[in-house]
Amino acid sequence: MNTFLIIILFILWCGLVAFLRYARAWLPFYVLGAVGCAYWLILFFGNLFGLEPLLAHSVAWMVHVVSNLFGIPTRIFEGAPGVLLVLVIFQDIGWTVLQVGIESSGLLEVSVLVSLLLFYPGWSIRRRIKLILLGSAAMWCANIIRMIVIVVMLNQFGKEALVLAHMYIGKAVFFLLVVGIFWTIITRTTLRDLRQQKNPLQSAAG
C-alpha cells in the first residue's frame, strides 16, 4: 500500500476515533478503535519495524531450548532465524523444516489483545499496561506450547503427522489457550469488577 495513502487513512482513523470518544459513543468507539489499532499494530510493528521476525526468532529459539531439554534434537537454521529444524526419528531418520511465520509468531493474537485492552473503557492506563504485559507474555508462552506439541508429534510419529499436528492438534491447543487467556484477562476481570460495583461493602470488607 502506498505510504501516503497509509498516512491519510491513519489520520482519518485517529480523527474518527477521537470524535466518537468526544461524542461518548462508546460502542462504536471501542469497536473502531480496537479493530483499527490491531491493523495498525500489525502493519507498523510487524512490517515496518520488523517485530514479526524478532517474535518468530524468539519462538523458534525457545522451542529449540525446551525441545532439547526433553531430548528432542532440533536446530536453529542460521540463515533464517525463524526456521526451526526438527529431527524426525520415526521410520526414516531425517530433518523436517518448520517455518515460524506471522501465524506462528503470535503477532496477530498479541495485536488483537493489546488493541482490545488499550481501548477498553473504564480501566486506568496503569491497569491496562499491566494487563497488556501479562496477556502478551501469556500469549507468547501459549504459542511456544503449540509449537512444542507440533515438534513432539513430528519427532515421535514422523513427517506424515505434520498436517495433523499443525492443522488440527496444534491449532486446537493454541485456540483453547488463547480463549483461556482472553477470558482470564478481559472477561474474568470485567465480571469481577461488576461484582465489586454491585457489592461495594462486601468487597471492601473482603
C-alpha atoms as a PDB file:
ATOM      1  CA  MET A   1       0.000   0.000   0.000  1.00  0.00           C
ATOM      2  CA  ASN A   2       1.204   3.494  -0.843  1.00  0.00           C
ATOM      3  CA  THR A   3       2.864   5.249   2.114  1.00  0.00           C
ATOM      4  CA  PHE A   4       0.946   8.483   1.537  1.00  0.00           C
ATOM      5  CA  LEU A   5      -2.359   6.601   1.488  1.00  0.00           C
ATOM      6  CA  ILE A   6      -1.432   4.798   4.712  1.00  0.00           C
ATOM      7  CA  ILE A   7      -0.743   8.129   6.422  1.00  0.00           C
ATOM      8  CA  ILE A   8      -4.069   9.574   5.229  1.00  0.00           C
ATOM      9  CA  LEU A   9      -6.009   6.523   6.429  1.00  0.00           C
ATOM     10  CA  PHE A  10      -4.229   6.621   9.783  1.00  0.00           C
ATOM     11  CA  ILE A  11      -5.080  10.313  10.267  1.00  0.00           C
ATOM     12  CA  LEU A  12      -8.722   9.685   9.302  1.00  0.00           C
ATOM     13  CA  TRP A  13      -8.901   6.762  11.748  1.00  0.00           C
ATOM     14  CA  CYS A  14      -7.431   8.863  14.567  1.00  0.00           C
ATOM     15  CA  GLY A  15      -9.869  11.681  13.835  1.00  0.00           C
ATOM     16  CA  LEU A  16     -12.904   9.408  13.756  1.00  0.00           C
ATOM     17  CA  VAL A  17     -11.876   7.630  16.973  1.00  0.00           C
ATOM     18  CA  ALA A  18     -11.326  10.993  18.690  1.00  0.00           C
ATOM     19  CA  PHE A  19     -14.750  12.211  17.513  1.00  0.00           C
ATOM     20  CA  LEU A  20     -16.521   9.076  18.795  1.00  0.00           C
ATOM     21  CA  ARG A  21     -14.808   9.460  22.159  1.00  0.00           C
ATOM     22  CA  TYR A  22     -15.796  13.125  22.360  1.00  0.00           C
ATOM     23  CA  ALA A  23     -19.385  12.179  21.462  1.00  0.00           C
ATOM     24  CA  ARG A  24     -19.294   9.407  24.115  1.00  0.00           C
ATOM     25  CA  ALA A  25     -20.410   6.845  21.557  1.00  0.00           C
ATOM     26  CA  TRP A  26     -18.624   4.128  23.473  1.00  0.00           C
ATOM     27  CA  LEU A  27     -19.598   1.022  21.495  1.00  0.00           C
ATOM     28  CA  PRO A  28     -18.538   2.306  18.034  1.00  0.00           C
ATOM     29  CA  PHE A  29     -15.537   3.958  19.685  1.00  0.00           C
ATOM     30  CA  TYR A  30     -14.428   0.642  21.159  1.00  0.00           C
ATOM     31  CA  VAL A  31     -15.097  -1.420  18.021  1.00  0.00           C
ATOM     32  CA  LEU A  32     -13.497   1.001  15.572  1.00  0.00           C
ATOM     33  CA  GLY A  33     -10.620   1.791  17.913  1.00  0.00           C
ATOM     34  CA  ALA A  34      -9.755  -1.834  18.715  1.00  0.00           C
ATOM     35  CA  VAL A  35     -10.113  -3.142  15.144  1.00  0.00           C
ATOM     36  CA  GLY A  36      -8.160  -0.254  13.675  1.00  0.00           C
ATOM     37  CA  CYS A  37      -5.470  -0.414  16.332  1.00  0.00           C
ATOM     38  CA  ALA A  38      -4.911  -4.138  15.692  1.00  0.00           C
ATOM     39  CA  TYR A  39      -4.486  -3.428  11.997  1.00  0.00           C
ATOM     40  CA  TRP A  40      -2.023  -0.587  12.583  1.00  0.00           C
ATOM     41  CA  LEU A  41      -0.021  -2.611  15.100  1.00  0.00           C
ATOM     42  CA  ILE A  42       0.386  -5.466  12.632  1.00  0.00           C
ATOM     43  CA  LEU A  43       1.230  -3.069   9.805  1.00  0.00           C
ATOM     44  CA  PHE A  44       3.650  -0.807  11.661  1.00  0.00           C
ATOM     45  CA  PHE A  45       5.333  -3.124  14.133  1.00  0.00           C
ATOM     46  CA  GLY A  46       5.095  -6.311  12.096  1.00  0.00           C
ATOM     47  CA  ASN A  47       6.148  -4.998   8.705  1.00  0.00           C
ATOM     48  CA  LEU A  48       7.763  -1.590   9.094  1.00  0.00           C
ATOM     49  CA  PHE A  49       9.631  -2.089  12.381  1.00  0.00           C
ATOM     50  CA  GLY A  50      10.477  -5.770  11.904  1.00  0.00           C
ATOM     51  CA  LEU A  51       8.799  -7.082  15.056  1.00  0.00           C
ATOM     52  CA  GLU A  52       7.491 -10.189  13.321  1.00  0.00           C
ATOM     53  CA  PRO A  53      10.960 -11.661  12.554  1.00  0.00           C
ATOM     54  CA  LEU A  54      12.001 -10.895  16.133  1.00  0.00           C
ATOM     55  CA  LEU A  55       8.961 -12.714  17.534  1.00  0.00           C
ATOM     56  CA  ALA A  56       9.475 -15.608  15.132  1.00  0.00           C
ATOM     57  CA  HIS A  57      13.111 -15.937  16.185  1.00  0.00           C
ATOM     58  CA  SER A  58      12.235 -15.814  19.893  1.00  0.00           C
ATOM     59  CA  VAL A  59       9.578 -18.519  19.460  1.00  0.00           C
ATOM     60  CA  ALA A  60      11.876 -20.766  17.403  1.00  0.00           C
ATOM     61  CA  TRP A  61      14.751 -20.302  19.844  1.00  0.00           C
ATOM     62  CA  MET A  62      12.630 -21.077  22.922  1.00  0.00           C
ATOM     63  CA  VAL A  63      11.077 -24.142  21.274  1.00  0.00           C
ATOM     64  CA  HIS A  64      14.601 -25.256  20.375  1.00  0.00           C
ATOM     65  CA  VAL A  65      15.754 -24.886  24.000  1.00  0.00           C
ATOM     66  CA  VAL A  66      12.727 -26.657  25.516  1.00  0.00           C
ATOM     67  CA  SER A  67      12.787 -29.464  22.940  1.00  0.00           C
ATOM     68  CA  ASN A  68      16.421 -30.231  23.639  1.00  0.00           C
ATOM     69  CA  LEU A  69      15.707 -30.272  27.377  1.00  0.00           C
ATOM     70  CA  PHE A  70      13.232 -33.065  26.688  1.00  0.00           C
ATOM     71  CA  GLY A  71      15.722 -34.916  24.495  1.00  0.00           C
ATOM     72  CA  ILE A  72      14.273 -33.956  21.099  1.00  0.00           C
ATOM     73  CA  PRO A  73      17.079 -32.787  18.801  1.00  0.00           C
ATOM     74  CA  THR A  74      16.337 -29.529  16.978  1.00  0.00           C
ATOM     75  CA  ARG A  75      18.436 -26.917  15.223  1.00  0.00           C
ATOM     76  CA  ILE A  76      18.005 -23.212  14.513  1.00  0.00           C
ATOM     77  CA  PHE A  77      18.745 -22.517  10.866  1.00  0.00           C
ATOM     78  CA  GLU A  78      21.341 -19.759  10.975  1.00  0.00           C
ATOM     79  CA  GLY A  79      20.432 -18.342   7.564  1.00  0.00           C
ATOM     80  CA  ALA A  80      16.831 -17.725   8.665  1.00  0.00           C
ATOM     81  CA  PRO A  81      16.404 -17.408  12.444  1.00  0.00           C
ATOM     82  CA  GLY A  82      12.662 -18.054  12.209  1.00  0.00           C
ATOM     83  CA  VAL A  83      13.218 -21.507  10.718  1.00  0.00           C
ATOM     84  CA  LEU A  84      13.377 -24.484  13.068  1.00  0.00           C
ATOM     85  CA  LEU A  85      14.804 -27.851  12.030  1.00  0.00           C
ATOM     86  CA  VAL A  86      13.259 -30.837  13.804  1.00  0.00           C
ATOM     87  CA  LEU A  87      14.957 -34.227  13.826  1.00  0.00           C
ATOM     88  CA  VAL A  88      12.434 -36.929  12.956  1.00  0.00           C
ATOM     89  CA  ILE A  89      13.420 -40.299  14.429  1.00  0.00           C
ATOM     90  CA  PHE A  90      10.313 -42.276  13.421  1.00  0.00           C
ATOM     91  CA  GLN A  91      10.861 -44.588  10.451  1.00  0.00           C
ATOM     92  CA  ASP A  92      13.309 -42.781   8.123  1.00  0.00           C
ATOM     93  CA  ILE A  93      15.625 -40.547  10.122  1.00  0.00           C
ATOM     94  CA  GLY A  94      15.847 -37.005   8.753  1.00  0.00           C
ATOM     95  CA  TRP A  95      15.192 -33.336   9.383  1.00  0.00           C
ATOM     96  CA  THR A  96      11.862 -31.576   8.941  1.00  0.00           C
ATOM     97  CA  VAL A  97      11.743 -27.815   8.436  1.00  0.00           C
ATOM     98  CA  LEU A  98       9.225 -25.734  10.402  1.00  0.00           C
ATOM     99  CA  GLN A  99       8.810 -22.128   9.295  1.00  0.00           C
ATOM    100  CA  VAL A 100       7.717 -19.751  12.065  1.00  0.00           C
ATOM    101  CA  GLY A 101       5.777 -17.119  10.082  1.00  0.00           C
ATOM    102  CA  ILE A 102       3.223 -14.444  11.004  1.00  0.00           C
ATOM    103  CA  GLU A 103       0.679 -17.072  12.057  1.00  0.00           C
ATOM    104  CA  SER A 104       3.118 -18.948  14.262  1.00  0.00           C
ATOM    105  CA  SER A 105       4.855 -15.853  15.653  1.00  0.00           C
ATOM    106  CA  GLY A 106       1.792 -14.836  17.708  1.00  0.00           C
ATOM    107  CA  LEU A 107       1.836 -11.287  16.314  1.00  0.00           C
ATOM    108  CA  LEU A 108      -1.822 -11.409  15.258  1.00  0.00           C
ATOM    109  CA  GLU A 109      -3.114 -12.601  18.623  1.00  0.00           C
ATOM    110  CA  VAL A 110      -0.930 -10.212  20.628  1.00  0.00           C
ATOM    111  CA  SER A 111      -2.018  -7.262  18.446  1.00  0.00           C
ATOM    112  CA  VAL A 112      -5.695  -8.086  18.964  1.00  0.00           C
ATOM    113  CA  LEU A 113      -5.269  -8.467  22.718  1.00  0.00           C
ATOM    114  CA  VAL A 114      -3.306  -5.215  23.032  1.00  0.00           C
ATOM    115  CA  SER A 115      -5.909  -3.339  20.973  1.00  0.00           C
ATOM    116  CA  LEU A 116      -8.847  -4.654  22.995  1.00  0.00           C
ATOM    117  CA  LEU A 117      -7.144  -3.632  26.227  1.00  0.00           C
ATOM    118  CA  LEU A 118      -5.958  -0.215  25.014  1.00  0.00           C
ATOM    119  CA  PHE A 119      -9.473   0.892  24.094  1.00  0.00           C
ATOM    120  CA  TYR A 120     -11.291  -0.853  26.928  1.00  0.00           C
ATOM    121  CA  PRO A 121     -13.355   1.821  28.707  1.00  0.00           C
ATOM    122  CA  GLY A 122     -13.298   2.348  32.447  1.00  0.00           C
ATOM    123  CA  TRP A 123      -9.837   0.989  33.224  1.00  0.00           C
ATOM    124  CA  SER A 124      -6.881   3.137  34.214  1.00  0.00           C
ATOM    125  CA  ILE A 125      -3.823   3.371  31.958  1.00  0.00           C
ATOM    126  CA  ARG A 126      -1.707   1.663  34.619  1.00  0.00           C
ATOM    127  CA  ARG A 127      -4.092  -1.270  34.819  1.00  0.00           C
ATOM    128  CA  ARG A 128      -4.280  -1.610  31.043  1.00  0.00           C
ATOM    129  CA  ILE A 129      -0.499  -1.617  30.708  1.00  0.00           C
ATOM    130  CA  LYS A 130      -0.226  -4.273  33.424  1.00  0.00           C
ATOM    131  CA  LEU A 131      -2.797  -6.489  31.687  1.00  0.00           C
ATOM    132  CA  ILE A 132      -1.182  -5.914  28.282  1.00  0.00           C
ATOM    133  CA  LEU A 133       2.200  -7.068  29.565  1.00  0.00           C
ATOM    134  CA  LEU A 134       0.682 -10.062  31.348  1.00  0.00           C
ATOM    135  CA  GLY A 135      -1.501 -11.043  28.395  1.00  0.00           C
ATOM    136  CA  SER A 136       1.277 -10.636  25.827  1.00  0.00           C
ATOM    137  CA  ALA A 137       3.616 -12.839  27.863  1.00  0.00           C
ATOM    138  CA  ALA A 138       0.885 -15.471  28.255  1.00  0.00           C
ATOM    139  CA  MET A 139       0.162 -15.381  24.503  1.00  0.00           C
ATOM    140  CA  TRP A 140       3.860 -15.850  23.731  1.00  0.00           C
ATOM    141  CA  CYS A 141       4.013 -18.861  26.055  1.00  0.00           C
ATOM    142  CA  ALA A 142       0.842 -20.318  24.506  1.00  0.00           C
ATOM    143  CA  ASN A 143       2.401 -20.067  21.068  1.00  0.00           C
ATOM    144  CA  ILE A 144       5.505 -21.861  22.281  1.00  0.00           C
ATOM    145  CA  ILE A 145       3.353 -24.655  23.730  1.00  0.00           C
ATOM    146  CA  ARG A 146       1.609 -25.002  20.359  1.00  0.00           C
ATOM    147  CA  MET A 147       4.942 -25.308  18.551  1.00  0.00           C
ATOM    148  CA  ILE A 148       6.279 -27.822  21.080  1.00  0.00           C
ATOM    149  CA  VAL A 149       3.212 -30.021  20.531  1.00  0.00           C
ATOM    150  CA  ILE A 150       3.962 -29.995  16.795  1.00  0.00           C
ATOM    151  CA  VAL A 151       7.639 -30.782  17.380  1.00  0.00           C
ATOM    152  CA  VAL A 152       6.841 -33.701  19.706  1.00  0.00           C
ATOM    153  CA  MET A 153       4.356 -35.215  17.242  1.00  0.00           C
ATOM    154  CA  LEU A 154       6.825 -34.877  14.369  1.00  0.00           C
ATOM    155  CA  ASN A 155       9.592 -36.416  16.402  1.00  0.00           C
ATOM    156  CA  GLN A 156       7.504 -39.346  17.562  1.00  0.00           C
ATOM    157  CA  PHE A 157       5.210 -40.103  14.613  1.00  0.00           C
ATOM    158  CA  GLY A 158       7.183 -38.947  11.580  1.00  0.00           C
ATOM    159  CA  LYS A 159       6.693 -36.433   8.798  1.00  0.00           C
ATOM    160  CA  GLU A 160       3.294 -37.918   7.941  1.00  0.00           C
ATOM    161  CA  ALA A 161       1.975 -36.395  11.160  1.00  0.00           C
ATOM    162  CA  LEU A 162       2.805 -32.817  10.063  1.00  0.00           C
ATOM    163  CA  VAL A 163      -0.657 -31.984   8.707  1.00  0.00           C
ATOM    164  CA  LEU A 164      -2.410 -33.498  11.731  1.00  0.00           C
ATOM    165  CA  ALA A 165      -0.011 -31.808  14.156  1.00  0.00           C
ATOM    166  CA  HIS A 166      -0.043 -28.375  12.543  1.00  0.00           C
ATOM    167  CA  MET A 167      -3.545 -28.021  11.099  1.00  0.00           C
ATOM    168  CA  TYR A 168      -5.551 -29.768  13.816  1.00  0.00           C
ATOM    169  CA  ILE A 169      -3.857 -30.684  17.093  1.00  0.00           C
ATOM    170  CA  GLY A 170      -1.564 -27.654  17.310  1.00  0.00           C
ATOM    171  CA  LYS A 171      -4.276 -25.188  16.311  1.00  0.00           C
ATOM    172  CA  ALA A 172      -6.777 -26.770  18.704  1.00  0.00           C
ATOM    173  CA  VAL A 173      -4.331 -26.497  21.613  1.00  0.00           C
ATOM    174  CA  PHE A 174      -3.472 -22.900  20.722  1.00  0.00           C
ATOM    175  CA  PHE A 175      -7.154 -21.967  20.290  1.00  0.00           C
ATOM    176  CA  LEU A 176      -8.043 -23.287  23.742  1.00  0.00           C
ATOM    177  CA  LEU A 177      -5.096 -21.472  25.309  1.00  0.00           C
ATOM    178  CA  VAL A 178      -5.947 -18.194  23.528  1.00  0.00           C
ATOM    179  CA  VAL A 179      -9.599 -18.410  24.614  1.00  0.00           C
ATOM    180  CA  GLY A 180      -8.444 -19.037  28.171  1.00  0.00           C
ATOM    181  CA  ILE A 181      -6.112 -16.019  28.054  1.00  0.00           C
ATOM    182  CA  PHE A 182      -8.785 -13.687  26.665  1.00  0.00           C
ATOM    183  CA  TRP A 183     -11.306 -14.942  29.210  1.00  0.00           C
ATOM    184  CA  THR A 184      -8.899 -14.502  32.126  1.00  0.00           C
ATOM    185  CA  ILE A 185      -7.508 -11.121  31.094  1.00  0.00           C
ATOM    186  CA  ILE A 186     -10.709  -9.418  29.865  1.00  0.00           C
ATOM    187  CA  THR A 187     -13.889 -11.349  30.681  1.00  0.00           C
ATOM    188  CA  ARG A 188     -12.992 -12.594  34.162  1.00  0.00           C
ATOM    189  CA  THR A 189     -11.576  -9.201  35.157  1.00  0.00           C
ATOM    190  CA  THR A 190     -14.708  -7.434  33.887  1.00  0.00           C
ATOM    191  CA  LEU A 191     -17.028  -9.803  35.765  1.00  0.00           C
ATOM    192  CA  ARG A 192     -15.029  -9.277  38.939  1.00  0.00           C
ATOM    193  CA  ASP A 193     -15.327  -5.501  38.537  1.00  0.00           C
ATOM    194  CA  LEU A 194     -19.081  -5.785  38.049  1.00  0.00           C
ATOM    195  CA  ARG A 195     -19.436  -7.887  41.187  1.00  0.00           C
ATOM    196  CA  GLN A 196     -17.441  -5.340  43.168  1.00  0.00           C
ATOM    197  CA  GLN A 197     -19.652  -2.499  41.891  1.00  0.00           C
ATOM    198  CA  LYS A 198     -22.782  -4.368  42.945  1.00  0.00           C
ATOM    199  CA  ASN A 199     -21.382  -5.240  46.376  1.00  0.00           C
ATOM    200  CA  PRO A 200     -19.011  -2.384  47.344  1.00  0.00           C
ATOM    201  CA  LEU A 201     -19.363  -3.007  51.106  1.00  0.00           C
ATOM    202  CA  GLN A 202     -18.666  -6.709  50.756  1.00  0.00           C
ATOM    203  CA  SER A 203     -15.650  -6.015  48.520  1.00  0.00           C
ATOM    204  CA  ALA A 204     -14.260  -3.512  50.988  1.00  0.00           C
ATOM    205  CA  ALA A 205     -14.743  -5.930  53.871  1.00  0.00           C
ATOM    206  CA  GLY A 206     -13.038  -8.707  51.902  1.00  0.00           C
END
